[in-house]
C-alpha atoms as a PDB file:
ATOM      1  CA  MET A   1       0.000   0.000   0.000  1.00  0.00           C
ATOM      2  CA  VAL A   2       2.792   2.425   0.882  1.00  0.00           C
ATOM      3  CA  MET A   3       4.647   1.586  -2.346  1.00  0.00           C
ATOM      4  CA  ASN A   4       1.610   2.423  -4.505  1.00  0.00           C
ATOM      5  CA  HIS A   5       1.134   5.730  -2.685  1.00  0.00           C
ATOM      6  CA  GLU A   6       4.757   6.737  -3.362  1.00  0.00           C
ATOM      7  CA  ILE A   7       4.472   5.795  -7.041  1.00  0.00           C
ATOM      8  CA  ILE A   8       1.324   7.891  -7.445  1.00  0.00           C
ATOM      9  CA  ILE A   9       2.968  10.929  -5.819  1.00  0.00           C
ATOM     10  CA  PHE A  10       6.143  10.509  -7.893  1.00  0.00           C
ATOM     11  CA  THR A  11       4.287  10.221 -11.200  1.00  0.00           C
ATOM     12  CA  SER A  12       2.128  13.256 -10.451  1.00  0.00           C
ATOM     13  CA  ILE A  13       5.171  15.374  -9.582  1.00  0.00           C
ATOM     14  CA  PHE A  14       6.987  14.109 -12.696  1.00  0.00           C
ATOM     15  CA  ALA A  15       3.994  14.917 -14.930  1.00  0.00           C
ATOM     16  CA  LEU A  16       3.733  18.394 -13.408  1.00  0.00           C
ATOM     17  CA  LEU A  17       7.439  19.001 -14.017  1.00  0.00           C
ATOM     18  CA  ILE A  18       7.217  17.885 -17.657  1.00  0.00           C
ATOM     19  CA  GLY A  19       4.107  20.019 -18.177  1.00  0.00           C
ATOM     20  CA  SER A  20       5.754  23.128 -16.778  1.00  0.00           C
ATOM     21  CA  ILE A  21       8.866  22.604 -18.932  1.00  0.00           C
ATOM     22  CA  VAL A  22       6.765  22.202 -22.084  1.00  0.00           C
ATOM     23  CA  PHE A  23       4.671  25.254 -21.200  1.00  0.00           C
ATOM     24  CA  SER A  24       7.733  27.430 -20.632  1.00  0.00           C
ATOM     25  CA  ILE A  25       9.278  26.326 -23.936  1.00  0.00           C
ATOM     26  CA  LEU A  26       6.078  27.096 -25.838  1.00  0.00           C
ATOM     27  CA  LYS A  27       5.765  30.460 -24.124  1.00  0.00           C
ATOM     28  CA  LYS A  28       9.343  31.415 -25.042  1.00  0.00           C
ATOM     29  CA  ARG A  29       8.883  30.339 -28.655  1.00  0.00           C
ATOM     30  CA  LYS A  30       5.970  32.733 -29.111  1.00  0.00           C
ATOM     31  CA  ARG A  31       8.178  35.794 -28.791  1.00  0.00           C
ATOM     32  CA  SER A  32       9.399  37.028 -32.107  1.00  0.00           C
ATOM     33  CA  ALA A  33      12.448  39.199 -32.624  1.00  0.00           C
ATOM     34  CA  LYS A  34      10.175  42.212 -33.101  1.00  0.00           C
ATOM     35  CA  SER A  35       8.525  41.777 -29.716  1.00  0.00           C
ATOM     36  CA  ILE A  36      11.904  41.277 -28.020  1.00  0.00           C
ATOM     37  CA  TYR A  37      13.271  44.502 -29.553  1.00  0.00           C
ATOM     38  CA  LYS A  38      10.126  46.328 -28.464  1.00  0.00           C
ATOM     39  CA  LEU A  39      10.538  45.003 -24.934  1.00  0.00           C
ATOM     40  CA  ILE A  40      14.175  46.125 -24.802  1.00  0.00           C
ATOM     41  CA  ASP A  41      13.242  49.545 -26.184  1.00  0.00           C
ATOM     42  CA  ASP A  42      10.482  49.972 -23.604  1.00  0.00           C
ATOM     43  CA  LEU A  43      12.826  49.008 -20.783  1.00  0.00           C
ATOM     44  CA  GLU A  44      15.466  51.458 -22.012  1.00  0.00           C
ATOM     45  CA  LYS A  45      12.932  54.278 -22.111  1.00  0.00           C
ATOM     46  CA  LYS A  46      11.680  53.404 -18.653  1.00  0.00           C
ATOM     47  CA  TYR A  47      14.978  53.043 -16.812  1.00  0.00           C
ATOM     48  CA  ILE A  48      17.608  54.998 -18.762  1.00  0.00           C
ATOM     49  CA  TYR A  49      15.796  58.141 -19.880  1.00  0.00           C
END
Protein backbone atom coordinates (compact mmCIF):
# COMPACT_ATOMS: atom_id res chain seq x y z
CA MET A 1 0.00 0.00 0.00
CA VAL A 2 2.79 2.43 0.88
CA MET A 3 4.65 1.59 -2.35
CA ASN A 4 1.61 2.42 -4.50
CA HIS A 5 1.13 5.73 -2.69
CA GLU A 6 4.76 6.74 -3.36
CA ILE A 7 4.47 5.80 -7.04
CA ILE A 8 1.32 7.89 -7.44
CA ILE A 9 2.97 10.93 -5.82
CA PHE A 10 6.14 10.51 -7.89
CA THR A 11 4.29 10.22 -11.20
CA SER A 12 2.13 13.26 -10.45
CA ILE A 13 5.17 15.37 -9.58
CA PHE A 14 6.99 14.11 -12.70
CA ALA A 15 3.99 14.92 -14.93
CA LEU A 16 3.73 18.39 -13.41
CA LEU A 17 7.44 19.00 -14.02
CA ILE A 18 7.22 17.89 -17.66
CA GLY A 19 4.11 20.02 -18.18
CA SER A 20 5.75 23.13 -16.78
CA ILE A 21 8.87 22.60 -18.93
CA VAL A 22 6.77 22.20 -22.08
CA PHE A 23 4.67 25.25 -21.20
CA SER A 24 7.73 27.43 -20.63
CA ILE A 25 9.28 26.33 -23.94
CA LEU A 26 6.08 27.10 -25.84
CA LYS A 27 5.76 30.46 -24.12
CA LYS A 28 9.34 31.41 -25.04
CA ARG A 29 8.88 30.34 -28.65
CA LYS A 30 5.97 32.73 -29.11
CA ARG A 31 8.18 35.79 -28.79
CA SER A 32 9.40 37.03 -32.11
CA ALA A 33 12.45 39.20 -32.62
CA LYS A 34 10.17 42.21 -33.10
CA SER A 35 8.53 41.78 -29.72
CA ILE A 36 11.90 41.28 -28.02
CA TYR A 37 13.27 44.50 -29.55
CA LYS A 38 10.13 46.33 -28.46
CA LEU A 39 10.54 45.00 -24.93
CA ILE A 40 14.18 46.13 -24.80
CA ASP A 41 13.24 49.55 -26.18
CA ASP A 42 10.48 49.97 -23.60
CA LEU A 43 12.83 49.01 -20.78
CA GLU A 44 15.47 51.46 -22.01
CA LYS A 45 12.93 54.28 -22.11
CA LYS A 46 11.68 53.40 -18.65
CA TYR A 47 14.98 53.04 -16.81
CA ILE A 48 17.61 55.00 -18.76
CA TYR A 49 15.80 58.14 -19.88
